[in-house]
Protein backbone atom coordinates (compact mmCIF):
# COMPACT_ATOMS: atom_id res chain seq x y z
CA MET A 1 1.67 16.21 3.37
CA THR A 2 0.35 19.48 2.29
CA SER A 3 -2.10 19.88 -0.98
CA ARG A 4 0.54 21.55 -2.88
CA SER A 5 1.06 20.66 -6.78
CA ILE A 6 3.46 17.91 -7.32
CA ALA A 7 4.84 19.60 -9.84
CA SER A 8 6.18 22.27 -7.40
CA SER A 9 7.00 20.11 -4.37
CA SER A 10 10.77 20.24 -3.51
CA GLY A 11 11.41 16.80 -4.16
CA SER A 12 9.93 16.16 -7.24
CA SER A 13 11.20 18.97 -10.09
CA SER A 14 14.64 17.06 -10.17
CA LEU A 15 12.92 13.95 -11.32
CA VAL A 16 10.50 15.76 -13.86
CA SER A 17 13.81 17.02 -15.80
CA ASN A 18 15.46 13.94 -16.40
CA LEU A 19 12.83 11.88 -17.91
CA LYS A 20 13.93 11.86 -21.72
CA TYR A 21 14.38 8.31 -22.43
CA ALA A 22 12.00 4.82 -23.03
CA THR A 23 8.15 5.42 -23.20
CA PRO A 24 6.00 2.50 -22.04
CA PRO A 25 3.78 0.62 -24.71
CA SER A 26 0.02 2.21 -24.96
CA PHE A 27 -1.09 -0.83 -22.65
CA VAL A 28 0.51 1.31 -19.62
CA ASN A 29 -1.76 3.93 -19.20
CA GLU A 30 -1.51 7.56 -17.93
CA ALA A 31 -2.52 6.49 -14.52
CA GLN A 32 0.05 3.32 -14.22
CA ARG A 33 3.11 6.16 -15.32
CA THR A 34 1.73 8.05 -12.68
CA LEU A 35 1.58 5.76 -10.01
CA LEU A 36 5.48 5.06 -10.75
CA TYR A 37 6.11 8.85 -10.05
CA PHE A 38 4.54 9.22 -7.16
CA ARG A 39 6.18 6.23 -5.65
CA ALA A 40 9.35 8.19 -7.09
CA VAL A 41 8.02 11.47 -5.21
CA ASP A 42 7.50 9.38 -2.17
CA ALA A 43 11.00 8.43 -2.04
CA GLU A 44 12.69 11.37 -1.86
CA SER A 45 10.68 12.11 0.80
CA PRO A 46 12.46 12.35 4.64
CA GLU A 47 9.04 10.30 6.11
CA SER A 48 9.01 8.25 2.77
CA ILE A 49 6.01 5.35 3.26
CA LEU A 50 7.49 2.79 0.80
CA GLY A 51 11.11 4.13 0.60
CA ASP A 52 11.06 2.76 -3.32
CA ILE A 53 14.24 3.61 -4.23
CA TYR A 54 13.79 1.59 -7.29
CA ALA A 55 10.87 3.68 -8.56
CA LYS A 56 13.07 6.99 -8.01
CA GLN A 57 15.80 5.31 -10.76
CA LEU A 58 13.16 4.08 -13.04
CA VAL A 59 11.62 7.58 -13.37
CA ASN A 60 15.03 8.76 -14.88
CA THR A 61 14.83 6.35 -17.75
CA ILE A 62 11.11 5.92 -18.27
CA ARG A 63 8.90 9.00 -20.26
CA LEU A 64 5.98 9.75 -18.20
CA ASP A 65 2.60 11.56 -18.53
CA ILE A 66 2.46 13.03 -14.79
CA VAL A 67 1.22 16.62 -14.45
CA ASP A 68 -2.50 16.49 -14.76
CA THR A 69 -3.09 12.85 -14.31
CA MET A 70 -4.04 12.77 -10.66
CA GLY A 71 -4.67 16.58 -9.84
CA GLN A 72 -1.27 17.67 -8.94
CA ASP A 73 -2.03 16.70 -4.92
CA LEU A 74 0.47 15.50 -2.88
CA ARG A 75 -2.18 14.17 -0.84
CA PHE A 76 -3.24 11.57 -3.58
CA VAL A 77 0.90 10.65 -3.18
CA SER A 78 0.38 9.68 0.35
CA PHE A 79 -2.67 7.39 -0.07
CA TRP A 80 -0.90 5.33 -3.13
CA CYS A 81 1.80 4.78 -1.30
CA LEU A 82 -0.05 3.73 1.97
CA ARG A 83 -2.30 1.07 0.25
CA ALA A 84 0.49 -0.36 -1.56
CA LYS A 85 2.31 -0.44 1.98
CA ARG A 86 -0.89 -2.46 3.23
CA ILE A 87 -0.35 -4.79 0.32
CA ASP A 88 3.67 -4.97 0.72
CA LEU A 89 3.34 -6.19 4.49
CA TRP A 90 0.57 -8.94 3.64
CA CYS A 91 2.87 -10.13 0.89
CA HIS A 92 6.31 -9.88 3.14
CA GLU A 93 3.57 -11.96 6.12
CA PHE A 94 3.14 -14.80 3.54
CA ILE A 95 6.51 -15.13 1.89
CA THR A 96 8.09 -14.82 5.56
CA GLU A 97 5.42 -18.11 6.74
CA HIS A 98 6.48 -19.78 3.53
CA PRO A 99 9.76 -19.14 2.24
CA ASP A 100 9.64 -21.50 -0.59
CA CYS A 101 6.05 -19.93 -1.79
CA MET A 102 5.25 -18.69 -5.61
CA VAL A 103 4.33 -15.27 -5.80
CA VAL A 104 1.82 -14.45 -9.02
CA ASN A 105 1.89 -10.92 -10.06
CA LEU A 106 -1.29 -10.15 -12.67
CA SER A 107 -0.92 -7.32 -14.85
CA CYS A 108 2.04 -5.89 -13.00
CA GLY A 109 2.69 -2.79 -15.32
CA LEU A 110 5.66 -0.38 -13.85
CA ASP A 111 4.96 -2.04 -10.19
CA THR A 112 8.45 -2.43 -8.54
CA ARG A 113 6.88 -4.83 -5.83
CA ILE A 114 9.28 -7.46 -6.30
CA GLN A 115 12.61 -4.79 -6.48
CA ARG A 116 11.09 -3.15 -2.95
CA LEU A 117 10.13 -6.83 -1.17
CA ARG A 118 13.47 -8.29 -2.55
CA PRO A 119 12.47 -11.82 -1.48
CA PRO A 120 14.84 -14.75 -0.74
CA SER A 121 16.36 -16.86 -4.03
CA SER A 122 13.69 -19.58 -2.60
CA VAL A 123 10.34 -17.75 -3.59
CA ARG A 124 9.51 -18.01 -7.37
CA TRP A 125 8.18 -14.58 -8.68
CA ILE A 126 6.12 -14.87 -11.39
CA ASP A 127 4.98 -11.15 -13.00
CA ILE A 128 1.95 -11.31 -15.67
CA ASP A 129 1.13 -8.49 -18.48
CA HIS A 130 0.48 -8.07 -21.72
CA LEU A 131 3.60 -9.13 -23.95
CA GLU A 132 4.27 -5.80 -24.80
CA VAL A 133 4.38 -4.68 -21.25
CA ILE A 134 6.80 -7.66 -20.68
CA GLU A 135 9.33 -6.88 -23.27
CA PHE A 136 9.45 -3.32 -21.88
CA ARG A 137 10.14 -4.37 -18.51
CA LYS A 138 12.85 -6.55 -19.59
CA LYS A 139 14.39 -3.75 -21.31
CA VAL A 140 14.15 -0.93 -18.37
CA PHE A 141 13.71 -2.74 -15.40
CA PRO A 142 16.62 -4.09 -12.96
CA ASN A 143 16.60 -7.66 -13.11
CA PRO A 144 15.54 -8.78 -9.90
CA GLY A 145 17.55 -12.10 -9.98
CA GLY A 146 16.45 -15.27 -8.22
CA ASP A 147 13.76 -17.82 -9.27
CA TYR A 148 11.93 -14.76 -11.40
CA SER A 149 9.94 -15.29 -14.51
CA THR A 150 7.36 -13.50 -16.64
CA LEU A 151 4.07 -14.57 -18.12
CA ALA A 152 2.38 -12.92 -21.33
CA VAL A 153 -1.29 -13.15 -20.75
CA ASP A 154 -4.57 -10.81 -21.20
CA ILE A 155 -6.28 -11.42 -17.95
CA SER A 156 -8.95 -9.80 -19.38
CA GLU A 157 -10.21 -12.73 -21.82
CA ASP A 158 -12.84 -14.61 -21.01
CA ASP A 159 -10.70 -18.28 -20.81
CA THR A 160 -9.00 -18.06 -17.74
CA SER A 161 -7.50 -21.72 -18.66
CA TRP A 162 -3.99 -19.85 -18.61
CA ILE A 163 -4.00 -20.21 -14.86
CA TYR A 164 -3.39 -23.92 -15.60
CA SER A 165 0.16 -23.19 -17.28
CA ILE A 166 1.68 -21.72 -13.84
CA PRO A 167 3.36 -24.59 -11.60
CA ASN A 168 0.80 -25.55 -8.43
CA ASN A 169 3.78 -27.52 -6.13
CA ARG A 170 3.81 -24.37 -3.81
CA PRO A 171 2.21 -22.12 -1.46
CA THR A 172 0.68 -19.18 -4.07
CA LEU A 173 0.26 -15.59 -3.14
CA VAL A 174 -1.83 -14.17 -5.93
CA VAL A 175 -1.68 -9.87 -6.48
CA ALA A 176 -4.25 -8.27 -8.09
CA GLU A 177 -3.66 -4.73 -7.54
CA SER A 178 -5.69 -2.05 -9.17
CA ASN A 179 -7.23 -4.29 -11.77
CA MET A 180 -9.89 -6.65 -11.46
CA PHE A 181 -12.42 -3.96 -10.66
CA TYR A 182 -12.12 -3.21 -14.64
CA LEU A 183 -12.95 -7.09 -15.65
CA LYS A 184 -16.45 -8.26 -16.23
CA PRO A 185 -17.60 -9.72 -12.89
CA GLU A 186 -17.76 -13.10 -14.87
CA VAL A 187 -14.03 -13.01 -15.81
CA ALA A 188 -12.87 -11.78 -12.50
CA LYS A 189 -14.89 -14.15 -10.74
CA SER A 190 -13.46 -17.01 -13.24
CA ILE A 191 -10.19 -15.94 -12.17
CA PHE A 192 -10.58 -16.37 -8.48
CA TYR A 193 -12.49 -19.79 -9.05
CA THR A 194 -9.77 -20.92 -11.13
CA ILE A 195 -7.13 -20.21 -9.01
CA ALA A 196 -8.68 -21.98 -6.34
CA GLU A 197 -9.25 -25.03 -8.37
CA HIS A 198 -5.64 -25.25 -9.46
CA PHE A 199 -3.99 -24.27 -6.43
CA SER A 200 -4.23 -26.15 -3.23
CA TYR A 201 -3.65 -23.35 -0.96
CA GLY A 202 -2.38 -19.72 -0.68
CA GLN A 203 -3.27 -16.13 -0.28
CA ILE A 204 -5.02 -13.60 -2.60
CA VAL A 205 -4.47 -9.86 -2.13
CA PHE A 206 -6.85 -7.34 -4.56
CA ASP A 207 -8.48 -4.16 -4.52
CA VAL A 208 -12.17 -3.60 -4.61
CA LEU A 209 -14.16 -0.34 -5.56
CA GLY A 210 -18.12 -0.15 -4.25
CA SER A 211 -20.92 0.57 -6.15
CA PHE A 212 -21.15 3.62 -5.31
CA CYS A 213 -17.41 4.72 -6.34
CA ALA A 214 -18.55 2.55 -9.80
CA ALA A 215 -21.27 4.84 -10.07
CA LEU A 216 -19.66 8.16 -9.94
CA ILE A 217 -16.85 6.52 -11.97
CA ASN A 218 -18.68 5.63 -14.62
CA MET A 219 -20.84 9.09 -14.79
CA LYS A 220 -17.55 10.29 -15.23
CA MET A 221 -17.71 12.47 -11.99
CA VAL A 222 -13.91 11.63 -11.49
CA PRO A 223 -11.23 13.92 -13.75
CA VAL A 224 -8.85 10.73 -13.57
CA GLN A 225 -11.34 8.52 -15.53
CA LYS A 226 -12.07 11.23 -17.72
CA LYS A 227 -8.61 10.97 -19.29
CA THR A 228 -8.26 7.28 -18.86
CA GLY A 229 -11.62 6.07 -20.33
CA MET A 230 -11.83 3.05 -18.49
CA LYS A 231 -14.92 1.81 -16.53
CA ILE A 232 -15.98 0.10 -13.26
CA LEU A 233 -17.57 -3.42 -13.91
CA TRP A 234 -17.30 -5.08 -11.31
CA PRO A 235 -18.02 -3.21 -8.07
CA VAL A 236 -17.90 -5.18 -4.72
CA ASP A 237 -19.61 -3.72 -1.62
CA ASP A 238 -19.25 -7.04 0.75
CA PRO A 239 -15.71 -8.62 0.45
CA HIS A 240 -17.26 -11.65 1.79
CA LYS A 241 -19.71 -12.59 -0.68
CA VAL A 242 -16.31 -12.68 -2.82
CA ALA A 243 -15.60 -15.97 -0.60
CA THR A 244 -18.33 -17.57 -1.68
CA ILE A 245 -17.02 -17.77 -5.43
CA HIS A 246 -15.27 -21.03 -4.13
CA PRO A 247 -15.79 -23.40 -1.54
CA LYS A 248 -11.98 -23.39 -0.63
CA ILE A 249 -12.18 -19.60 -0.27
CA ARG A 250 -12.10 -17.41 2.91
CA PHE A 251 -12.08 -13.84 3.87
CA ILE A 252 -9.18 -12.81 5.79
CA ASP A 253 -8.85 -9.27 6.23
CA GLU A 254 -9.47 -5.69 4.85
CA MET A 255 -8.17 -2.11 4.92
CA ARG A 256 -10.82 -0.03 4.14
CA TYR A 257 -10.41 3.71 2.23
CA SER A 258 -11.20 6.06 5.03
CA GLN A 259 -14.10 8.56 5.59
CA ASP A 260 -11.34 11.21 5.31
CA MET A 261 -10.34 11.69 2.02
CA PRO A 262 -8.63 13.90 -0.37
CA PRO A 263 -11.17 15.60 -3.17
CA TRP A 264 -11.00 12.82 -5.91
CA PHE A 265 -14.73 14.48 -6.99
CA GLY A 266 -13.45 18.22 -6.64
CA GLU A 267 -13.19 19.55 -3.05
CA PHE A 268 -17.25 20.99 -2.86
CA ARG A 269 -18.30 17.84 -4.26
CA THR A 270 -16.61 15.15 -2.50
CA LYS A 271 -17.81 16.91 0.85
CA ILE A 272 -21.48 16.48 -0.01
CA LEU A 273 -20.84 12.78 -1.33
CA LYS A 274 -19.06 12.21 1.95
CA ARG A 275 -22.14 12.41 3.71
CA LEU A 276 -23.85 9.78 1.74
CA PRO A 277 -24.01 6.30 3.44
CA GLY A 278 -22.29 4.71 0.71
CA TYR A 279 -19.42 6.87 0.67
CA ARG A 280 -18.11 4.27 3.52
CA ASN A 281 -18.01 1.14 0.82
CA LEU A 282 -16.02 3.68 -1.43
CA GLY A 283 -13.42 1.07 -1.71
CA ARG A 284 -10.73 -1.25 0.25
CA VAL A 285 -8.18 -3.59 0.24
CA ILE A 286 -8.92 -7.31 0.67
CA LEU A 287 -6.78 -10.21 1.57
CA LEU A 288 -8.61 -13.95 0.78
CA GLY A 289 -6.97 -17.54 1.62
CA PHE A 290 -7.85 -20.39 -0.30
CA GLU A 291 -7.37 -24.15 0.87
CA GLU A 292 -8.91 -27.85 0.98
CA GLN A 293 -10.29 -27.60 4.33
CA SER A 294 -11.34 -24.16 4.59
CA ARG A 295 -15.00 -24.96 5.27
CA ASN A 296 -15.63 -27.43 8.11
CA LYS A 297 -16.84 -31.09 7.36
CA SER A 298 -20.46 -30.39 8.01
CA GLY A 299 -20.87 -28.34 5.24
CA GLY A 300 -21.23 -25.10 7.74
CA GLU A 301 -20.22 -21.69 6.47
CA VAL A 302 -16.65 -19.97 5.99
CA PRO A 303 -15.64 -18.46 9.51
CA MET A 304 -16.00 -14.74 9.53
CA TYR A 305 -13.15 -12.72 10.18
CA PRO A 306 -13.23 -9.31 12.66
CA GLU A 307 -11.96 -6.40 10.67
CA SER A 308 -8.15 -5.67 10.64
CA VAL A 309 -6.82 -4.03 13.78
CA TYR A 310 -3.24 -3.56 12.56
CA ALA A 311 -2.17 -0.33 13.01
CA MET A 312 0.47 1.14 10.17
CA SER A 313 3.96 1.71 11.98
CA THR A 314 4.93 3.82 9.19
CA THR A 315 2.38 7.19 9.20
CA THR A 316 -0.40 8.56 11.65
CA ASP A 317 -2.31 9.58 9.00
CA PRO A 318 -3.60 7.21 6.70
CA ASP A 319 -6.60 8.61 5.65
CA TYR A 320 -6.25 9.34 1.78
CA LEU A 321 -8.22 8.56 -1.31
CA PRO A 322 -6.53 5.64 -3.66
CA ASP A 323 -5.68 5.37 -7.08
CA MET A 324 -8.88 3.89 -9.31
CA ALA A 325 -7.56 4.41 -12.84
CA GLU A 326 -4.61 1.80 -13.36
CA GLY A 327 -4.93 -0.37 -16.33
CA LEU A 328 -5.43 -3.64 -17.88
CA SER A 329 -3.05 -5.49 -19.71
CA ARG A 330 -4.00 -7.13 -23.32
CA VAL A 331 -2.46 -10.08 -25.06
CA SER A 332 -4.02 -12.85 -27.20
CA THR A 333 -1.05 -15.54 -26.57
CA VAL A 334 0.03 -17.39 -23.60
CA GLN A 335 3.59 -18.35 -23.05
CA ARG A 336 3.38 -21.54 -21.48
CA MET A 337 5.57 -21.84 -17.97
CA PRO A 338 7.98 -24.91 -17.79
C-alpha cells in the first residue's frame, strides 16, 4: 500500500458514508475505534491481510472517529493487520493442537478475533473488558455462538484475584493485545504470575514496547498518543526476562517490529531515530508458554528459544509500525464465571 490518505483511498469512502449508528462507550478510545476501521479498510483490499469481513460489517453500525487518529496513512493499516495476523496464527495453532481449549481475551474492546478465527464449538472463549464495553458488544457484535461468554473486569486494578474466577480445567490461551504496556509493572506482572499459578498449561500472546519507544511516547513525540493521553508504564526490552516472572513460564517465540517502518514520529524525525540502537527494540509481539515442568528438575534456567523463522505467507512486505494507543478497560466489579 502506498502512503495515501485513508479517507481518500478507493475502498474506504463507502465505509465512511455509512458511519451513523451506535456510539461506543467512552472506555473504547479513539485508537480502538480506528483499528476496527483499519481492519475494515483492509477487508476491502484485493490483497487483504486479515479478510476481516466482520469489521467491514461493523463499521456500518458503529460511529467511529477515524480521520486523524493514525495519521491518515495506509501503511499503518498494513502493519496493524500484519501484527494481528501473527497473533491470529498463534491462536489458530493453539486451537488446532487443543480443540477443547479455552481462550481468554483480555480487554477485548472492538476486537473481532473470535469472528475471524471461528473456533470449533468445543473451544470455550471468554471476552473480558469493562462492563459497558461488554454490554455494547452484545448490542452490535454478531453472536459468535458456541461456548462463548464474557466477564466484566478492570484488568488495571491491583487485585488480580479475578483470574481465579475463571475455570482452569482446560488448556488455556490468554490473548493480551495492546493493553499490558499501559498497566503498572506490578499489575502486569501480577496478571502473568496469577495466570501461571491458576492454569496448569497454556500460552500467553501479548505485545510489548521497548523503553526507547516508551520514552518517546511519554514525551508526547507521537501524534496519536497526544490525542489519547495514555502513557506507557511497563516497557520491555528483553522478553526473556518476562519468563522469569513465574517458574512455569517460558519464552517461545516473538515477532519484532521492523526497522523499516512508517513515519510514526514524523517523516524526518523517524529517519533520525532509526539510526539509534534503541530503535531495534521499539516493540514486538511475544508468545510465552506456561506448564508445570517448564524448568528442568535440576533447577536450571528456562531454555532459550531461537527467534522466529516463520515467514508470513500473506504478504512480502511486513515492515510497518504498529498501533501503540489501544486503551485499557475499567470496571470495579467482577462477574464470576459459572
